[in-house]
Amino acid sequence: MARIRSVDTKPELLLRRALWRQGLRGWRLHAGTLPGKPDIIFASARLAVFVDGAFWHGHPSRFRYGASGEYWDRKIRGNVERDKRTRAALRRAGWATIRVWDFQVLRAPNEAAVRVRRRLEGRPGYLASFGARTSFAPASAASQNRPTRRSTDARKSRIAPASTARSGAASKA
C-alpha cells in the first residue's frame, strides 16, 4: 500500500485541469488544517472537494464486502465511516463538501468540474469575486490569445551552438 498515491493522483490532476479550463480559480490543495485534508478547497466559498478512489472509499460498483477478505472489509468500512465523520466535522465548521469518484473524473473530467462549479454557484462569495467564465465549454488556445506550439526547427534556431558558448566563456577566462 506504500505505492498508493494520496496526492496528485491522475483523477485529481484531471479535475484540476478541467477546473482551470472552465475559468475556476482560487483553490488550494490538500489543506491540512481542515478535517479529512480535502484534495481541493475553495476557501472563499468554504467548499471542500474530495476526489475519492472507488475501491478505497467503498463505491458499491467497485467494492463488494466479503469478496476481498476480512482485512479489506474492515479497512474499507473504516474509510467510509471516517468519510462520514469528516463530512460532519466540515459541515459543523460551516464548510460544504462535494465528493467526486475517481472513475467519474477519468471518464468525464469536464462533467466533474461542472458539478463543482454548480456547487460553487450556490455558495456566497466565490464567482462574483473571481470573475469565472460563464460558459462551461473549455476555451480554445486561439480565443485565449496563447501562442501555438512552434516547430522544433524554429526553437533550435534560437539556441546558440555549444561551441560558440564555450569559446565565449574561454575568451573571458
N, C-alpha and C. Protein backbone atom coordinates (compact mmCIF):
# COMPACT_ATOMS: atom_id res chain seq x y z
N MET A 1 0.82 -1.19 0.00
CA MET A 1 0.00 0.00 0.00
C MET A 1 0.86 1.25 0.00
N ALA A 2 2.17 1.10 0.22
CA ALA A 2 3.05 2.26 0.23
C ALA A 2 3.11 2.94 -1.14
N ARG A 3 2.82 2.20 -2.19
CA ARG A 3 2.88 2.78 -3.53
C ARG A 3 1.59 3.48 -3.96
N ILE A 4 0.57 3.42 -3.14
CA ILE A 4 -0.69 4.08 -3.45
C ILE A 4 -0.53 5.57 -3.15
N ARG A 5 -0.71 6.38 -4.17
CA ARG A 5 -0.55 7.83 -4.01
C ARG A 5 -1.78 8.42 -3.31
N SER A 6 -1.51 9.40 -2.47
CA SER A 6 -2.63 10.08 -1.82
C SER A 6 -2.81 11.50 -2.35
N VAL A 7 -1.80 12.07 -3.00
CA VAL A 7 -1.91 13.41 -3.58
C VAL A 7 -1.46 13.37 -5.03
N ASP A 8 -1.97 14.31 -5.81
CA ASP A 8 -1.61 14.43 -7.23
C ASP A 8 -1.86 13.14 -8.01
N THR A 9 -2.98 12.51 -7.74
CA THR A 9 -3.35 11.32 -8.49
C THR A 9 -3.84 11.76 -9.87
N LYS A 10 -3.91 10.83 -10.80
CA LYS A 10 -4.36 11.18 -12.15
C LYS A 10 -5.76 11.80 -12.16
N PRO A 11 -6.74 11.21 -11.45
CA PRO A 11 -8.07 11.85 -11.43
C PRO A 11 -8.03 13.26 -10.84
N GLU A 12 -7.23 13.45 -9.81
CA GLU A 12 -7.14 14.77 -9.18
C GLU A 12 -6.53 15.79 -10.15
N LEU A 13 -5.48 15.41 -10.84
CA LEU A 13 -4.86 16.31 -11.82
C LEU A 13 -5.81 16.64 -12.96
N LEU A 14 -6.55 15.63 -13.43
CA LEU A 14 -7.53 15.87 -14.50
C LEU A 14 -8.61 16.85 -14.05
N LEU A 15 -9.08 16.69 -12.82
CA LEU A 15 -10.11 17.59 -12.30
C LEU A 15 -9.55 19.01 -12.20
N ARG A 16 -8.35 19.15 -11.70
CA ARG A 16 -7.75 20.49 -11.57
C ARG A 16 -7.59 21.15 -12.93
N ARG A 17 -7.16 20.39 -13.93
CA ARG A 17 -7.05 20.96 -15.28
C ARG A 17 -8.41 21.38 -15.82
N ALA A 18 -9.42 20.57 -15.58
CA ALA A 18 -10.77 20.90 -16.06
C ALA A 18 -11.30 22.15 -15.35
N LEU A 19 -11.05 22.26 -14.05
CA LEU A 19 -11.47 23.46 -13.33
C LEU A 19 -10.79 24.70 -13.90
N TRP A 20 -9.51 24.58 -14.20
CA TRP A 20 -8.76 25.70 -14.76
C TRP A 20 -9.31 26.10 -16.13
N ARG A 21 -9.58 25.09 -16.97
CA ARG A 21 -10.11 25.37 -18.31
C ARG A 21 -11.46 26.08 -18.25
N GLN A 22 -12.22 25.79 -17.21
CA GLN A 22 -13.53 26.43 -17.07
C GLN A 22 -13.44 27.80 -16.41
N GLY A 23 -12.24 28.22 -16.11
CA GLY A 23 -12.06 29.55 -15.54
C GLY A 23 -12.21 29.63 -14.04
N LEU A 24 -12.29 28.49 -13.37
CA LEU A 24 -12.41 28.49 -11.92
C LEU A 24 -11.02 28.62 -11.31
N ARG A 25 -10.85 29.63 -10.48
CA ARG A 25 -9.56 29.91 -9.86
C ARG A 25 -9.75 30.06 -8.35
N GLY A 26 -8.65 30.18 -7.67
CA GLY A 26 -8.69 30.47 -6.24
C GLY A 26 -8.74 29.26 -5.34
N TRP A 27 -8.43 28.08 -5.84
CA TRP A 27 -8.47 26.92 -4.97
C TRP A 27 -7.11 26.71 -4.33
N ARG A 28 -7.10 25.92 -3.28
CA ARG A 28 -5.88 25.49 -2.60
C ARG A 28 -5.92 23.98 -2.53
N LEU A 29 -4.74 23.39 -2.41
CA LEU A 29 -4.64 21.93 -2.42
C LEU A 29 -4.32 21.37 -1.05
N HIS A 30 -4.94 20.27 -0.71
CA HIS A 30 -4.61 19.45 0.45
C HIS A 30 -4.45 20.26 1.74
N ALA A 31 -5.50 20.93 2.11
CA ALA A 31 -5.48 21.78 3.30
C ALA A 31 -5.40 20.93 4.55
N GLY A 32 -4.23 20.86 5.12
CA GLY A 32 -4.01 20.03 6.30
C GLY A 32 -4.69 20.55 7.55
N THR A 33 -5.15 21.79 7.51
CA THR A 33 -5.80 22.36 8.69
C THR A 33 -7.26 21.97 8.78
N LEU A 34 -7.82 21.42 7.70
CA LEU A 34 -9.23 21.01 7.70
C LEU A 34 -9.36 19.52 7.97
N PRO A 35 -10.46 19.10 8.57
CA PRO A 35 -10.68 17.66 8.78
C PRO A 35 -10.70 16.91 7.45
N GLY A 36 -10.02 15.79 7.40
CA GLY A 36 -10.01 14.95 6.22
C GLY A 36 -9.04 15.37 5.14
N LYS A 37 -8.39 16.51 5.30
CA LYS A 37 -7.42 17.03 4.34
C LYS A 37 -7.97 16.96 2.91
N PRO A 38 -8.95 17.81 2.60
CA PRO A 38 -9.59 17.77 1.27
C PRO A 38 -8.58 17.93 0.14
N ASP A 39 -8.88 17.33 -1.01
CA ASP A 39 -7.98 17.41 -2.17
C ASP A 39 -7.92 18.83 -2.71
N ILE A 40 -9.05 19.50 -2.79
CA ILE A 40 -9.13 20.87 -3.31
C ILE A 40 -10.08 21.64 -2.40
N ILE A 41 -9.70 22.86 -2.03
CA ILE A 41 -10.63 23.70 -1.27
C ILE A 41 -10.77 25.05 -1.96
N PHE A 42 -11.96 25.59 -1.89
CA PHE A 42 -12.24 26.95 -2.29
C PHE A 42 -12.56 27.68 -0.99
N ALA A 43 -11.55 28.32 -0.41
CA ALA A 43 -11.68 28.90 0.93
C ALA A 43 -12.72 30.02 0.97
N SER A 44 -12.77 30.86 -0.07
CA SER A 44 -13.71 31.98 -0.04
C SER A 44 -15.16 31.49 -0.05
N ALA A 45 -15.41 30.36 -0.67
CA ALA A 45 -16.75 29.79 -0.72
C ALA A 45 -16.97 28.71 0.33
N ARG A 46 -15.89 28.38 1.05
CA ARG A 46 -15.93 27.33 2.07
C ARG A 46 -16.48 26.03 1.48
N LEU A 47 -15.85 25.61 0.38
CA LEU A 47 -16.22 24.36 -0.29
C LEU A 47 -15.01 23.44 -0.32
N ALA A 48 -15.18 22.22 0.16
CA ALA A 48 -14.12 21.20 0.15
C ALA A 48 -14.47 20.14 -0.88
N VAL A 49 -13.51 19.84 -1.76
CA VAL A 49 -13.72 18.85 -2.82
C VAL A 49 -12.82 17.65 -2.53
N PHE A 50 -13.43 16.47 -2.53
CA PHE A 50 -12.70 15.23 -2.34
C PHE A 50 -12.79 14.41 -3.63
N VAL A 51 -11.66 13.93 -4.12
CA VAL A 51 -11.64 13.02 -5.26
C VAL A 51 -11.35 11.65 -4.67
N ASP A 52 -12.39 10.84 -4.55
CA ASP A 52 -12.29 9.56 -3.85
C ASP A 52 -12.06 8.40 -4.80
N GLY A 53 -11.14 7.53 -4.42
CA GLY A 53 -10.94 6.29 -5.15
C GLY A 53 -12.10 5.36 -4.86
N ALA A 54 -12.68 4.79 -5.90
CA ALA A 54 -13.89 3.99 -5.74
C ALA A 54 -13.66 2.76 -4.86
N PHE A 55 -12.54 2.09 -5.02
CA PHE A 55 -12.26 0.92 -4.20
C PHE A 55 -12.03 1.34 -2.75
N TRP A 56 -11.17 2.32 -2.53
CA TRP A 56 -10.75 2.70 -1.18
C TRP A 56 -11.87 3.32 -0.37
N HIS A 57 -12.85 3.90 -1.03
CA HIS A 57 -13.93 4.56 -0.30
C HIS A 57 -15.26 3.82 -0.45
N GLY A 58 -15.21 2.59 -0.96
CA GLY A 58 -16.35 1.69 -0.91
C GLY A 58 -17.49 1.97 -1.86
N HIS A 59 -17.19 2.37 -3.10
CA HIS A 59 -18.29 2.57 -4.06
C HIS A 59 -18.95 1.22 -4.33
N PRO A 60 -20.27 1.15 -4.33
CA PRO A 60 -20.97 -0.14 -4.46
C PRO A 60 -20.64 -0.91 -5.74
N SER A 61 -20.30 -0.24 -6.81
CA SER A 61 -20.00 -0.96 -8.04
C SER A 61 -18.53 -1.37 -8.14
N ARG A 62 -17.68 -0.88 -7.22
CA ARG A 62 -16.26 -1.16 -7.31
C ARG A 62 -15.72 -1.98 -6.13
N PHE A 63 -16.49 -2.06 -5.06
CA PHE A 63 -16.06 -2.84 -3.90
C PHE A 63 -17.24 -3.63 -3.37
N ARG A 64 -17.05 -4.92 -3.21
CA ARG A 64 -18.08 -5.80 -2.66
C ARG A 64 -17.56 -6.36 -1.33
N TYR A 65 -18.29 -6.10 -0.28
CA TYR A 65 -17.89 -6.65 1.02
C TYR A 65 -17.91 -8.17 0.94
N GLY A 66 -16.89 -8.78 1.51
CA GLY A 66 -16.78 -10.23 1.53
C GLY A 66 -15.99 -10.80 0.37
N ALA A 67 -15.76 -10.04 -0.68
CA ALA A 67 -15.06 -10.56 -1.85
C ALA A 67 -13.54 -10.50 -1.72
N SER A 68 -13.04 -9.58 -0.88
CA SER A 68 -11.59 -9.40 -0.80
C SER A 68 -11.01 -9.83 0.54
N GLY A 69 -11.80 -10.33 1.42
CA GLY A 69 -11.29 -10.79 2.71
C GLY A 69 -11.67 -9.84 3.83
N GLU A 70 -11.56 -10.39 5.06
CA GLU A 70 -11.98 -9.65 6.24
C GLU A 70 -11.14 -8.39 6.46
N TYR A 71 -9.83 -8.45 6.18
CA TYR A 71 -8.97 -7.28 6.35
C TYR A 71 -9.50 -6.10 5.53
N TRP A 72 -9.77 -6.34 4.24
CA TRP A 72 -10.23 -5.27 3.36
C TRP A 72 -11.63 -4.80 3.73
N ASP A 73 -12.46 -5.71 4.20
CA ASP A 73 -13.79 -5.30 4.65
C ASP A 73 -13.68 -4.29 5.80
N ARG A 74 -12.83 -4.60 6.79
CA ARG A 74 -12.62 -3.70 7.91
C ARG A 74 -12.02 -2.38 7.44
N LYS A 75 -11.02 -2.47 6.59
CA LYS A 75 -10.32 -1.28 6.09
C LYS A 75 -11.28 -0.34 5.36
N ILE A 76 -12.04 -0.86 4.42
CA ILE A 76 -12.94 -0.03 3.62
C ILE A 76 -14.08 0.50 4.48
N ARG A 77 -14.61 -0.35 5.36
CA ARG A 77 -15.68 0.10 6.27
C ARG A 77 -15.18 1.25 7.14
N GLY A 78 -13.94 1.15 7.62
CA GLY A 78 -13.34 2.24 8.40
C GLY A 78 -13.19 3.51 7.58
N ASN A 79 -12.79 3.37 6.31
CA ASN A 79 -12.66 4.54 5.44
C ASN A 79 -14.01 5.23 5.24
N VAL A 80 -15.05 4.44 5.01
CA VAL A 80 -16.38 5.00 4.79
C VAL A 80 -16.86 5.72 6.05
N GLU A 81 -16.63 5.13 7.21
CA GLU A 81 -17.03 5.77 8.47
C GLU A 81 -16.24 7.06 8.69
N ARG A 82 -14.94 7.04 8.38
CA ARG A 82 -14.12 8.24 8.52
C ARG A 82 -14.62 9.34 7.57
N ASP A 83 -15.03 8.96 6.35
CA ASP A 83 -15.58 9.94 5.41
C ASP A 83 -16.83 10.61 5.99
N LYS A 84 -17.68 9.83 6.63
CA LYS A 84 -18.90 10.38 7.24
C LYS A 84 -18.55 11.35 8.37
N ARG A 85 -17.58 10.96 9.21
CA ARG A 85 -17.16 11.83 10.31
C ARG A 85 -16.54 13.13 9.78
N THR A 86 -15.76 13.01 8.72
CA THR A 86 -15.11 14.18 8.12
C THR A 86 -16.16 15.15 7.58
N ARG A 87 -17.13 14.60 6.87
CA ARG A 87 -18.18 15.46 6.31
C ARG A 87 -18.96 16.16 7.41
N ALA A 88 -19.25 15.44 8.47
CA ALA A 88 -19.98 16.05 9.58
C ALA A 88 -19.16 17.15 10.26
N ALA A 89 -17.86 16.91 10.44
CA ALA A 89 -16.99 17.92 11.06
C ALA A 89 -16.88 19.17 10.18
N LEU A 90 -16.76 18.96 8.88
CA LEU A 90 -16.69 20.11 7.97
C LEU A 90 -18.01 20.89 7.97
N ARG A 91 -19.10 20.17 7.99
CA ARG A 91 -20.41 20.82 8.00
C ARG A 91 -20.59 21.65 9.27
N ARG A 92 -20.17 21.10 10.42
CA ARG A 92 -20.26 21.85 11.68
C ARG A 92 -19.41 23.12 11.63
N ALA A 93 -18.30 23.06 10.88
CA ALA A 93 -17.41 24.23 10.76
C ALA A 93 -17.88 25.20 9.68
N GLY A 94 -19.00 24.90 9.02
CA GLY A 94 -19.54 25.81 8.02
C GLY A 94 -19.06 25.56 6.60
N TRP A 95 -18.48 24.40 6.35
CA TRP A 95 -17.99 24.06 5.02
C TRP A 95 -18.96 23.13 4.32
N ALA A 96 -19.12 23.32 3.03
CA ALA A 96 -19.87 22.37 2.20
C ALA A 96 -18.85 21.40 1.61
N THR A 97 -19.30 20.20 1.30
CA THR A 97 -18.39 19.21 0.70
C THR A 97 -19.01 18.67 -0.58
N ILE A 98 -18.12 18.26 -1.46
CA ILE A 98 -18.54 17.53 -2.65
C ILE A 98 -17.53 16.41 -2.84
N ARG A 99 -18.04 15.22 -3.08
CA ARG A 99 -17.18 14.06 -3.32
C ARG A 99 -17.38 13.61 -4.75
N VAL A 100 -16.27 13.45 -5.44
CA VAL A 100 -16.29 13.04 -6.84
C VAL A 100 -15.53 11.72 -6.93
N TRP A 101 -16.11 10.72 -7.55
CA TRP A 101 -15.46 9.42 -7.68
C TRP A 101 -14.38 9.49 -8.76
N ASP A 102 -13.29 8.78 -8.54
CA ASP A 102 -12.17 8.80 -9.48
C ASP A 102 -12.57 8.33 -10.87
N PHE A 103 -13.42 7.31 -10.96
CA PHE A 103 -13.80 6.80 -12.29
C PHE A 103 -14.67 7.81 -13.04
N GLN A 104 -15.44 8.63 -12.31
CA GLN A 104 -16.22 9.68 -12.96
C GLN A 104 -15.30 10.74 -13.56
N VAL A 105 -14.26 11.10 -12.83
CA VAL A 105 -13.32 12.11 -13.32
C VAL A 105 -12.53 11.55 -14.50
N LEU A 106 -12.12 10.29 -14.42
CA LEU A 106 -11.37 9.69 -15.53
C LEU A 106 -12.21 9.63 -16.79
N ARG A 107 -13.49 9.33 -16.64
CA ARG A 107 -14.39 9.21 -17.78
C ARG A 107 -14.75 10.57 -18.37
N ALA A 108 -15.04 11.55 -17.51
CA ALA A 108 -15.51 12.86 -18.00
C ALA A 108 -15.07 13.96 -17.02
N PRO A 109 -13.82 14.40 -17.12
CA PRO A 109 -13.34 15.42 -16.17
C PRO A 109 -14.11 16.73 -16.24
N ASN A 110 -14.55 17.13 -17.44
CA ASN A 110 -15.30 18.38 -17.55
C ASN A 110 -16.64 18.31 -16.84
N GLU A 111 -17.29 17.15 -16.89
CA GLU A 111 -18.57 16.99 -16.18
C GLU A 111 -18.36 17.08 -14.67
N ALA A 112 -17.27 16.51 -14.19
CA ALA A 112 -16.96 16.60 -12.76
C ALA A 112 -16.70 18.06 -12.38
N ALA A 113 -16.01 18.79 -13.24
CA ALA A 113 -15.74 20.20 -12.96
C ALA A 113 -17.03 21.01 -12.98
N VAL A 114 -17.95 20.66 -13.84
CA VAL A 114 -19.25 21.34 -13.87
C VAL A 114 -19.99 21.10 -12.56
N ARG A 115 -19.91 19.88 -12.02
CA ARG A 115 -20.55 19.60 -10.73
C ARG A 115 -19.98 20.49 -9.64
N VAL A 116 -18.64 20.65 -9.65
CA VAL A 116 -18.00 21.51 -8.65
C VAL A 116 -18.45 22.95 -8.86
N ARG A 117 -18.47 23.38 -10.11
CA ARG A 117 -18.87 24.76 -10.42
C ARG A 117 -20.31 25.03 -9.96
N ARG A 118 -21.20 24.10 -10.21
CA ARG A 118 -22.60 24.29 -9.80
C ARG A 118 -22.71 24.37 -8.28
N ARG A 119 -21.90 23.59 -7.60
CA ARG A 119 -21.90 23.66 -6.13
C ARG A 119 -21.36 25.00 -5.66
N LEU A 120 -20.36 25.53 -6.38
CA LEU A 120 -19.81 26.84 -6.04
C LEU A 120 -20.85 27.95 -6.26
N GLU A 121 -21.65 27.82 -7.30
CA GLU A 121 -22.64 28.85 -7.60
C GLU A 121 -23.62 29.03 -6.45
N GLY A 122 -23.84 27.99 -5.68
CA GLY A 122 -24.73 28.09 -4.54
C GLY A 122 -24.07 28.62 -3.29
N ARG A 123 -22.76 28.84 -3.33
CA ARG A 123 -22.02 29.31 -2.17
C ARG A 123 -21.75 30.81 -2.29
N PRO A 124 -21.94 31.57 -1.24
CA PRO A 124 -21.70 33.01 -1.31
C PRO A 124 -20.21 33.33 -1.45
N GLY A 125 -19.93 34.36 -2.23
CA GLY A 125 -18.59 34.91 -2.27
C GLY A 125 -17.61 34.33 -3.26
N TYR A 126 -18.01 33.39 -4.10
CA TYR A 126 -16.98 32.84 -4.99
C TYR A 126 -17.00 33.45 -6.38
N LEU A 127 -18.01 33.15 -7.19
CA LEU A 127 -17.97 33.51 -8.61
C LEU A 127 -17.89 35.01 -8.84
N ALA A 128 -18.58 35.79 -8.06
CA ALA A 128 -18.55 37.23 -8.26
C ALA A 128 -17.16 37.79 -8.00
N SER A 129 -16.46 37.27 -7.02
CA SER A 129 -15.17 37.84 -6.67
C SER A 129 -14.04 37.38 -7.58
N PHE A 130 -14.17 36.21 -8.19
CA PHE A 130 -13.09 35.71 -9.03
C PHE A 130 -13.37 35.86 -10.52
N GLY A 131 -14.58 36.25 -10.89
CA GLY A 131 -14.89 36.50 -12.29
C GLY A 131 -14.74 35.29 -13.18
N ALA A 132 -15.23 34.17 -12.76
CA ALA A 132 -15.12 32.95 -13.57
C ALA A 132 -15.95 33.11 -14.84
N ARG A 133 -15.52 32.41 -15.88
CA ARG A 133 -16.25 32.47 -17.14
C ARG A 133 -17.65 31.91 -16.95
N THR A 134 -18.58 32.41 -17.74
CA THR A 134 -19.95 31.92 -17.62
C THR A 134 -20.20 30.71 -18.49
N SER A 135 -19.34 30.46 -19.47
CA SER A 135 -19.51 29.30 -20.35
C SER A 135 -18.84 28.09 -19.73
N PHE A 136 -19.49 26.93 -19.84
CA PHE A 136 -18.89 25.71 -19.33
C PHE A 136 -17.94 25.09 -20.33
N ALA A 137 -17.98 25.52 -21.59
CA ALA A 137 -17.12 24.92 -22.62
C ALA A 137 -15.70 25.41 -22.45
N PRO A 138 -14.71 24.50 -22.58
CA PRO A 138 -13.33 24.94 -22.48
C PRO A 138 -12.98 25.85 -23.65
N ALA A 139 -12.23 26.89 -23.37
CA ALA A 139 -11.84 27.84 -24.41
C ALA A 139 -10.71 27.27 -25.25
N SER A 140 -10.69 27.63 -26.52
CA SER A 140 -9.61 27.17 -27.39
C SER A 140 -8.37 28.03 -27.17
N ALA A 141 -7.22 27.55 -27.63
CA ALA A 141 -5.96 28.29 -27.48
C ALA A 141 -6.04 29.61 -28.23
N ALA A 142 -6.68 29.64 -29.39
CA ALA A 142 -6.76 30.86 -30.19
C ALA A 142 -7.58 31.93 -29.47
N SER A 143 -8.67 31.53 -28.81
CA SER A 143 -9.51 32.51 -28.14
C SER A 143 -8.87 33.04 -26.87
N GLN A 144 -7.88 32.35 -26.35
CA GLN A 144 -7.19 32.80 -25.15
C GLN A 144 -5.93 33.57 -25.48
N ASN A 145 -5.70 33.84 -26.76
CA ASN A 145 -4.53 34.58 -27.21
C ASN A 145 -3.23 33.94 -26.76
N ARG A 146 -3.20 32.62 -26.76
CA ARG A 146 -1.96 31.92 -26.43
C ARG A 146 -1.26 31.56 -27.72
N PRO A 147 0.06 31.62 -27.73
CA PRO A 147 0.78 31.22 -28.94
C PRO A 147 0.65 29.72 -29.15
N THR A 148 0.64 29.34 -30.40
CA THR A 148 0.60 27.91 -30.68
C THR A 148 2.01 27.36 -30.58
N ARG A 149 2.14 26.07 -30.47
CA ARG A 149 3.44 25.45 -30.33
C ARG A 149 4.26 25.62 -31.60
N ARG A 150 5.48 26.06 -31.44
CA ARG A 150 6.36 26.25 -32.60
C ARG A 150 6.98 24.94 -33.01
N SER A 151 7.46 24.91 -34.22
CA SER A 151 8.11 23.69 -34.69
C SER A 151 9.47 23.55 -34.01
N THR A 152 10.02 22.36 -34.02
CA THR A 152 11.30 22.09 -33.40
C THR A 152 12.40 22.90 -34.07
N ASP A 153 12.34 23.06 -35.40
CA ASP A 153 13.36 23.80 -36.11
C ASP A 153 13.41 25.26 -35.67
N ALA A 154 12.25 25.87 -35.44
CA ALA A 154 12.21 27.26 -35.02
C ALA A 154 12.83 27.42 -33.64
N ARG A 155 12.64 26.45 -32.76
CA ARG A 155 13.25 26.55 -31.43
C ARG A 155 14.74 26.34 -31.51
N LYS A 156 15.20 25.44 -32.36
CA LYS A 156 16.62 25.17 -32.47
C LYS A 156 17.37 26.38 -33.01
N SER A 157 16.73 27.14 -33.90
CA SER A 157 17.41 28.28 -34.50
C SER A 157 17.68 29.37 -33.46
N ARG A 158 16.92 29.38 -32.36
CA ARG A 158 17.14 30.39 -31.32
C ARG A 158 18.21 30.00 -30.34
N ILE A 159 18.63 28.76 -30.34
CA ILE A 159 19.61 28.27 -29.38
C ILE A 159 21.00 28.39 -30.01
N ALA A 160 21.93 29.03 -29.29
CA ALA A 160 23.30 29.17 -29.81
C ALA A 160 24.00 27.83 -29.77
N PRO A 161 24.83 27.53 -30.76
CA PRO A 161 25.59 26.28 -30.74
C PRO A 161 26.48 26.20 -29.51
N ALA A 162 26.71 25.00 -29.04
CA ALA A 162 27.51 24.81 -27.83
C ALA A 162 28.93 25.32 -28.02
N SER A 163 29.51 25.18 -29.22
CA SER A 163 30.89 25.61 -29.45
C SER A 163 31.01 27.12 -29.28
N THR A 164 30.01 27.90 -29.70
CA THR A 164 30.04 29.35 -29.56
C THR A 164 30.00 29.74 -28.09
N ALA A 165 29.16 29.07 -27.34
CA ALA A 165 29.05 29.37 -25.92
C ALA A 165 30.34 29.07 -25.19
N ARG A 166 31.01 27.97 -25.56
CA ARG A 166 32.27 27.61 -24.90
C ARG A 166 33.38 28.57 -25.27
N SER A 167 33.45 28.94 -26.56
CA SER A 167 34.54 29.82 -26.97
C SER A 167 34.41 31.19 -26.32
N GLY A 168 33.16 31.66 -26.14
CA GLY A 168 32.96 32.94 -25.48
C GLY A 168 33.36 32.90 -24.03
N ALA A 169 33.08 31.76 -23.37
CA ALA A 169 33.44 31.61 -21.96
C ALA A 169 34.95 31.47 -21.83
N ALA A 170 35.58 30.78 -22.79
CA ALA A 170 37.03 30.57 -22.71
C ALA A 170 37.77 31.87 -22.94
N SER A 171 37.25 32.75 -23.81
CA SER A 171 37.93 34.01 -24.10
C SER A 171 37.84 34.95 -22.91
N LYS A 172 36.80 34.84 -22.10
CA LYS A 172 36.66 35.70 -20.93
C LYS A 172 37.61 35.29 -19.82
N ALA A 173 37.98 34.02 -19.79
CA ALA A 173 38.81 33.49 -18.70
C ALA A 173 40.25 33.81 -18.86
